[in-house]
N, C-alpha and C. Protein backbone atom coordinates (compact mmCIF):
# COMPACT_ATOMS: atom_id res chain seq x y z
N MET A 1 -74.58 -30.43 112.61
CA MET A 1 -73.55 -30.22 111.62
C MET A 1 -72.73 -31.50 111.53
N LYS A 2 -72.34 -31.88 110.34
CA LYS A 2 -71.55 -33.09 110.13
C LYS A 2 -70.15 -32.70 109.71
N ILE A 3 -69.16 -33.37 110.26
CA ILE A 3 -67.77 -33.21 109.83
C ILE A 3 -67.29 -34.58 109.43
N ILE A 4 -66.72 -34.67 108.25
CA ILE A 4 -66.25 -35.95 107.74
C ILE A 4 -64.74 -35.88 107.59
N HIS A 5 -64.06 -36.86 108.15
CA HIS A 5 -62.60 -36.95 108.01
C HIS A 5 -62.29 -38.07 107.04
N SER A 6 -61.32 -37.86 106.19
CA SER A 6 -60.90 -38.93 105.30
C SER A 6 -59.39 -39.08 105.36
N LYS A 7 -58.93 -40.30 105.49
CA LYS A 7 -57.50 -40.55 105.58
C LYS A 7 -56.90 -40.38 104.19
N LEU A 8 -55.90 -39.50 104.08
CA LEU A 8 -55.37 -39.18 102.76
C LEU A 8 -53.93 -39.62 102.54
N GLY A 9 -53.15 -39.78 103.58
CA GLY A 9 -51.77 -40.14 103.31
C GLY A 9 -51.04 -40.59 104.55
N LEU A 10 -49.92 -41.26 104.37
CA LEU A 10 -49.11 -41.74 105.47
C LEU A 10 -47.65 -41.65 105.06
N ALA A 11 -46.83 -41.11 105.94
CA ALA A 11 -45.40 -41.00 105.64
C ALA A 11 -44.62 -41.38 106.89
N ILE A 12 -43.56 -42.12 106.72
CA ILE A 12 -42.69 -42.48 107.83
C ILE A 12 -41.32 -41.85 107.58
N ALA A 13 -40.83 -41.14 108.57
CA ALA A 13 -39.52 -40.50 108.43
C ALA A 13 -38.78 -40.59 109.75
N GLY A 14 -37.56 -41.03 109.72
CA GLY A 14 -36.79 -41.16 110.94
C GLY A 14 -37.52 -42.05 111.92
N LEU A 15 -37.72 -41.56 113.12
CA LEU A 15 -38.38 -42.33 114.15
C LEU A 15 -39.80 -41.84 114.41
N SER A 16 -40.28 -40.87 113.62
CA SER A 16 -41.63 -40.34 113.81
C SER A 16 -42.56 -40.90 112.74
N LEU A 17 -43.79 -41.14 113.12
CA LEU A 17 -44.83 -41.57 112.19
C LEU A 17 -45.75 -40.39 111.94
N VAL A 18 -46.01 -40.07 110.68
CA VAL A 18 -46.82 -38.91 110.33
C VAL A 18 -48.00 -39.36 109.48
N THR A 19 -49.19 -38.96 109.86
CA THR A 19 -50.40 -39.26 109.11
C THR A 19 -51.13 -37.97 108.81
N ALA A 20 -51.71 -37.85 107.63
CA ALA A 20 -52.45 -36.65 107.27
C ALA A 20 -53.92 -36.99 107.05
N PHE A 21 -54.80 -36.20 107.63
CA PHE A 21 -56.24 -36.32 107.44
C PHE A 21 -56.74 -34.97 106.96
N ALA A 22 -57.88 -34.97 106.29
CA ALA A 22 -58.42 -33.69 105.85
C ALA A 22 -59.93 -33.74 105.78
N SER A 23 -60.50 -32.60 106.02
CA SER A 23 -61.91 -32.36 105.73
C SER A 23 -62.03 -30.87 105.49
N CYS A 24 -63.18 -30.41 105.07
CA CYS A 24 -63.34 -29.02 104.69
C CYS A 24 -64.37 -28.33 105.55
N SER A 25 -64.17 -27.01 105.73
CA SER A 25 -65.13 -26.21 106.47
C SER A 25 -66.41 -26.03 105.65
N LEU A 26 -67.51 -25.86 106.36
CA LEU A 26 -68.75 -25.56 105.68
C LEU A 26 -68.71 -24.13 105.17
N VAL A 27 -69.30 -23.91 104.02
CA VAL A 27 -69.34 -22.59 103.42
C VAL A 27 -70.79 -22.17 103.31
N GLY A 28 -71.10 -20.97 103.73
CA GLY A 28 -72.46 -20.47 103.63
C GLY A 28 -72.66 -19.35 104.63
N SER A 29 -73.75 -18.65 104.53
CA SER A 29 -74.01 -17.56 105.45
C SER A 29 -74.76 -18.07 106.67
N GLU A 30 -74.82 -17.26 107.71
CA GLU A 30 -75.55 -17.64 108.92
C GLU A 30 -77.02 -17.89 108.59
N ASP A 31 -77.55 -17.23 107.58
CA ASP A 31 -78.95 -17.40 107.21
C ASP A 31 -79.23 -18.79 106.64
N ASP A 32 -78.19 -19.51 106.24
CA ASP A 32 -78.36 -20.84 105.66
C ASP A 32 -78.68 -21.90 106.71
N TYR A 33 -78.44 -21.61 107.98
CA TYR A 33 -78.56 -22.62 109.02
C TYR A 33 -79.84 -22.44 109.82
N ASP A 34 -80.44 -23.56 110.24
CA ASP A 34 -81.51 -23.51 111.21
C ASP A 34 -81.24 -24.58 112.24
N ASN A 35 -82.02 -24.60 113.29
CA ASN A 35 -81.76 -25.52 114.40
C ASN A 35 -82.28 -26.93 114.15
N ASN A 36 -82.99 -27.16 113.06
CA ASN A 36 -83.64 -28.44 112.85
C ASN A 36 -82.97 -29.35 111.83
N SER A 37 -82.01 -28.86 111.09
CA SER A 37 -81.43 -29.71 110.05
C SER A 37 -79.95 -29.39 109.84
N ASP A 38 -79.27 -30.35 109.26
CA ASP A 38 -77.87 -30.16 108.90
C ASP A 38 -77.80 -29.63 107.48
N ILE A 39 -76.83 -28.77 107.25
CA ILE A 39 -76.52 -28.32 105.89
C ILE A 39 -75.30 -29.13 105.46
N VAL A 40 -75.37 -29.80 104.36
CA VAL A 40 -74.25 -30.59 103.88
C VAL A 40 -73.79 -30.01 102.55
N TYR A 41 -72.56 -29.60 102.51
CA TYR A 41 -71.97 -29.09 101.28
C TYR A 41 -71.07 -30.17 100.71
N ASP A 42 -71.13 -30.35 99.44
CA ASP A 42 -70.34 -31.38 98.78
C ASP A 42 -68.99 -30.78 98.37
N LEU A 43 -68.08 -30.65 99.34
CA LEU A 43 -66.74 -30.15 99.08
C LEU A 43 -65.79 -31.33 98.98
N SER A 44 -64.96 -31.32 97.99
CA SER A 44 -63.99 -32.41 97.87
C SER A 44 -62.91 -32.23 98.92
N ALA A 45 -62.34 -33.32 99.37
CA ALA A 45 -61.24 -33.26 100.32
C ALA A 45 -59.97 -32.92 99.56
N PRO A 46 -59.12 -32.10 100.16
CA PRO A 46 -57.87 -31.77 99.47
C PRO A 46 -56.92 -32.96 99.46
N SER A 47 -56.04 -32.96 98.50
CA SER A 47 -54.97 -33.93 98.48
C SER A 47 -53.89 -33.43 99.44
N VAL A 48 -53.50 -34.25 100.39
CA VAL A 48 -52.57 -33.82 101.44
C VAL A 48 -51.28 -34.61 101.35
N SER A 49 -50.16 -33.92 101.57
CA SER A 49 -48.88 -34.62 101.64
C SER A 49 -48.06 -34.07 102.79
N VAL A 50 -47.21 -34.91 103.33
CA VAL A 50 -46.33 -34.52 104.42
C VAL A 50 -44.92 -34.91 104.03
N ILE A 51 -44.01 -33.96 104.09
CA ILE A 51 -42.59 -34.21 103.86
C ILE A 51 -41.89 -33.95 105.17
N THR A 52 -41.08 -34.91 105.60
CA THR A 52 -40.41 -34.77 106.88
C THR A 52 -38.91 -34.63 106.70
N TYR A 53 -38.34 -33.76 107.50
CA TYR A 53 -36.90 -33.55 107.59
C TYR A 53 -36.56 -33.55 109.07
N PRO A 54 -35.31 -33.73 109.42
CA PRO A 54 -34.96 -33.65 110.84
C PRO A 54 -35.40 -32.29 111.41
N GLY A 55 -36.27 -32.35 112.41
CA GLY A 55 -36.71 -31.14 113.09
C GLY A 55 -37.91 -30.43 112.49
N ILE A 56 -38.46 -30.90 111.36
CA ILE A 56 -39.61 -30.22 110.78
C ILE A 56 -40.44 -31.17 109.92
N ASN A 57 -41.76 -31.03 110.01
CA ASN A 57 -42.69 -31.72 109.12
C ASN A 57 -43.39 -30.64 108.29
N TYR A 58 -43.30 -30.75 106.96
CA TYR A 58 -44.01 -29.83 106.07
C TYR A 58 -45.32 -30.49 105.65
N VAL A 59 -46.44 -29.83 105.96
CA VAL A 59 -47.76 -30.32 105.60
C VAL A 59 -48.28 -29.43 104.48
N SER A 60 -48.66 -30.02 103.35
CA SER A 60 -49.20 -29.23 102.25
C SER A 60 -50.47 -29.89 101.72
N TRP A 61 -51.29 -29.10 101.03
CA TRP A 61 -52.56 -29.61 100.53
C TRP A 61 -52.94 -28.85 99.27
N THR A 62 -53.87 -29.42 98.52
CA THR A 62 -54.38 -28.78 97.31
C THR A 62 -55.59 -27.93 97.67
N PRO A 63 -55.87 -26.88 96.90
CA PRO A 63 -57.03 -26.04 97.21
C PRO A 63 -58.34 -26.77 96.95
N VAL A 64 -59.38 -26.34 97.66
CA VAL A 64 -60.72 -26.92 97.52
C VAL A 64 -61.67 -25.79 97.13
N ASP A 65 -62.37 -25.95 96.02
CA ASP A 65 -63.35 -24.96 95.60
C ASP A 65 -64.41 -24.78 96.69
N GLY A 66 -64.70 -23.54 97.05
CA GLY A 66 -65.73 -23.26 98.03
C GLY A 66 -65.25 -23.16 99.46
N ALA A 67 -64.01 -23.57 99.74
CA ALA A 67 -63.49 -23.48 101.11
C ALA A 67 -63.16 -22.03 101.43
N LYS A 68 -63.40 -21.62 102.67
CA LYS A 68 -63.07 -20.26 103.10
C LYS A 68 -61.72 -20.20 103.80
N SER A 69 -61.35 -21.28 104.49
CA SER A 69 -60.07 -21.31 105.20
C SER A 69 -59.66 -22.76 105.43
N TYR A 70 -58.40 -22.92 105.82
CA TYR A 70 -57.86 -24.23 106.15
C TYR A 70 -57.19 -24.10 107.53
N THR A 71 -57.57 -24.97 108.45
CA THR A 71 -56.95 -25.00 109.76
C THR A 71 -56.28 -26.35 109.93
N VAL A 72 -55.04 -26.34 110.40
CA VAL A 72 -54.27 -27.57 110.59
C VAL A 72 -54.20 -27.86 112.09
N TYR A 73 -54.71 -29.05 112.47
CA TYR A 73 -54.69 -29.49 113.86
C TYR A 73 -53.66 -30.61 114.00
N VAL A 74 -52.94 -30.60 115.12
CA VAL A 74 -51.88 -31.58 115.36
C VAL A 74 -52.29 -32.53 116.48
N TYR A 75 -52.13 -33.82 116.20
CA TYR A 75 -52.39 -34.87 117.18
C TYR A 75 -51.09 -35.62 117.40
N GLU A 76 -50.79 -35.93 118.67
CA GLU A 76 -49.62 -36.74 119.01
C GLU A 76 -50.12 -38.04 119.62
N ASN A 77 -49.66 -39.14 119.05
CA ASN A 77 -50.07 -40.47 119.52
C ASN A 77 -51.59 -40.56 119.65
N GLY A 78 -52.31 -39.97 118.69
CA GLY A 78 -53.76 -40.06 118.64
C GLY A 78 -54.53 -39.05 119.47
N LYS A 79 -53.86 -38.15 120.18
CA LYS A 79 -54.54 -37.16 121.02
C LYS A 79 -54.26 -35.75 120.52
N TYR A 80 -55.32 -34.93 120.45
CA TYR A 80 -55.15 -33.54 120.02
C TYR A 80 -54.24 -32.81 121.00
N VAL A 81 -53.25 -32.07 120.45
CA VAL A 81 -52.35 -31.30 121.32
C VAL A 81 -52.31 -29.81 121.00
N ARG A 82 -52.56 -29.44 119.73
CA ARG A 82 -52.47 -28.02 119.40
C ARG A 82 -52.96 -27.76 117.98
N THR A 83 -53.17 -26.49 117.71
CA THR A 83 -53.51 -26.03 116.37
C THR A 83 -52.25 -25.44 115.76
N LEU A 84 -51.86 -25.94 114.61
CA LEU A 84 -50.67 -25.43 113.94
C LEU A 84 -50.92 -24.05 113.36
N GLY A 85 -52.12 -23.81 112.84
CA GLY A 85 -52.46 -22.50 112.31
C GLY A 85 -53.63 -22.56 111.36
N THR A 86 -54.07 -21.37 110.92
CA THR A 86 -55.17 -21.22 109.97
C THR A 86 -54.74 -20.26 108.88
N VAL A 87 -55.06 -20.59 107.64
CA VAL A 87 -54.83 -19.67 106.53
C VAL A 87 -56.14 -19.51 105.76
N GLN A 88 -56.35 -18.33 105.22
CA GLN A 88 -57.53 -18.07 104.41
C GLN A 88 -57.36 -18.73 103.05
N ALA A 89 -58.44 -19.25 102.51
CA ALA A 89 -58.38 -19.93 101.22
C ALA A 89 -58.10 -18.96 100.07
N THR A 90 -58.25 -17.67 100.32
CA THR A 90 -57.99 -16.68 99.28
C THR A 90 -56.51 -16.42 99.07
N THR A 91 -55.65 -16.93 99.95
CA THR A 91 -54.21 -16.76 99.79
C THR A 91 -53.63 -17.91 98.97
N ASP A 92 -52.40 -17.76 98.58
CA ASP A 92 -51.70 -18.82 97.85
C ASP A 92 -50.97 -19.77 98.79
N VAL A 93 -51.09 -19.57 100.11
CA VAL A 93 -50.39 -20.39 101.08
C VAL A 93 -51.18 -21.68 101.31
N LEU A 94 -50.60 -22.78 100.87
CA LEU A 94 -51.24 -24.09 101.03
C LEU A 94 -50.29 -25.08 101.71
N TYR A 95 -49.54 -24.58 102.68
CA TYR A 95 -48.61 -25.43 103.42
C TYR A 95 -48.31 -24.80 104.77
N MET A 96 -47.83 -25.62 105.69
CA MET A 96 -47.35 -25.16 106.99
C MET A 96 -46.21 -26.05 107.43
N GLY A 97 -45.31 -25.50 108.20
CA GLY A 97 -44.21 -26.27 108.76
C GLY A 97 -44.38 -26.45 110.25
N ASP A 98 -44.22 -27.66 110.72
CA ASP A 98 -44.35 -27.98 112.15
C ASP A 98 -42.96 -28.28 112.69
N THR A 99 -42.46 -27.39 113.54
CA THR A 99 -41.13 -27.59 114.13
C THR A 99 -41.19 -28.08 115.57
N GLU A 100 -42.40 -28.20 116.12
CA GLU A 100 -42.56 -28.69 117.49
C GLU A 100 -42.75 -30.20 117.49
N ILE A 101 -41.76 -30.92 116.93
CA ILE A 101 -41.85 -32.37 116.81
C ILE A 101 -40.73 -33.04 117.59
N GLN A 102 -40.97 -34.30 117.93
CA GLN A 102 -39.99 -35.08 118.68
C GLN A 102 -39.84 -36.46 118.05
N ASN A 103 -38.69 -37.08 118.25
CA ASN A 103 -38.48 -38.45 117.79
C ASN A 103 -39.37 -39.40 118.60
N LYS A 104 -39.72 -40.51 117.99
CA LYS A 104 -40.50 -41.58 118.61
C LYS A 104 -41.92 -41.14 119.00
N VAL A 105 -42.44 -40.12 118.32
CA VAL A 105 -43.81 -39.66 118.55
C VAL A 105 -44.56 -39.77 117.23
N SER A 106 -45.78 -40.29 117.28
CA SER A 106 -46.62 -40.42 116.10
C SER A 106 -47.44 -39.14 115.94
N TYR A 107 -47.32 -38.48 114.76
CA TYR A 107 -48.05 -37.24 114.49
C TYR A 107 -49.14 -37.46 113.46
N THR A 108 -50.30 -36.89 113.71
CA THR A 108 -51.39 -36.89 112.77
C THR A 108 -51.81 -35.45 112.53
N TYR A 109 -52.00 -35.08 111.27
CA TYR A 109 -52.41 -33.72 110.91
C TYR A 109 -53.80 -33.77 110.31
N HIS A 110 -54.72 -33.01 110.90
CA HIS A 110 -56.08 -32.89 110.38
C HIS A 110 -56.20 -31.50 109.77
N ILE A 111 -56.67 -31.43 108.54
CA ILE A 111 -56.88 -30.15 107.88
C ILE A 111 -58.38 -29.99 107.69
N MET A 112 -58.92 -28.92 108.24
CA MET A 112 -60.36 -28.65 108.15
C MET A 112 -60.57 -27.25 107.65
């Protein structure tokens, strides 16, 4: 299986550096997969933006046709630290707020 990350945006606020990355989940049934080949779906990457305020980073993205869900992963100073959450693509929720942030820490958000 292939996962492709694409750098979509960069925002600097206060003393924290915030970067947003995105890729999309594969869509298909279990019957679509076999052990000998990769299935590649041509899903466009969402447009991602991050708005920062003291004490919170708002991460938002545009919907992607064919996506089943969006999961937001948080990296601090380049290392994975936690999952912010997952929302189903069938909902109208296309944003999350991260309140577990600190000054002088670089945050990267991956949306898959």
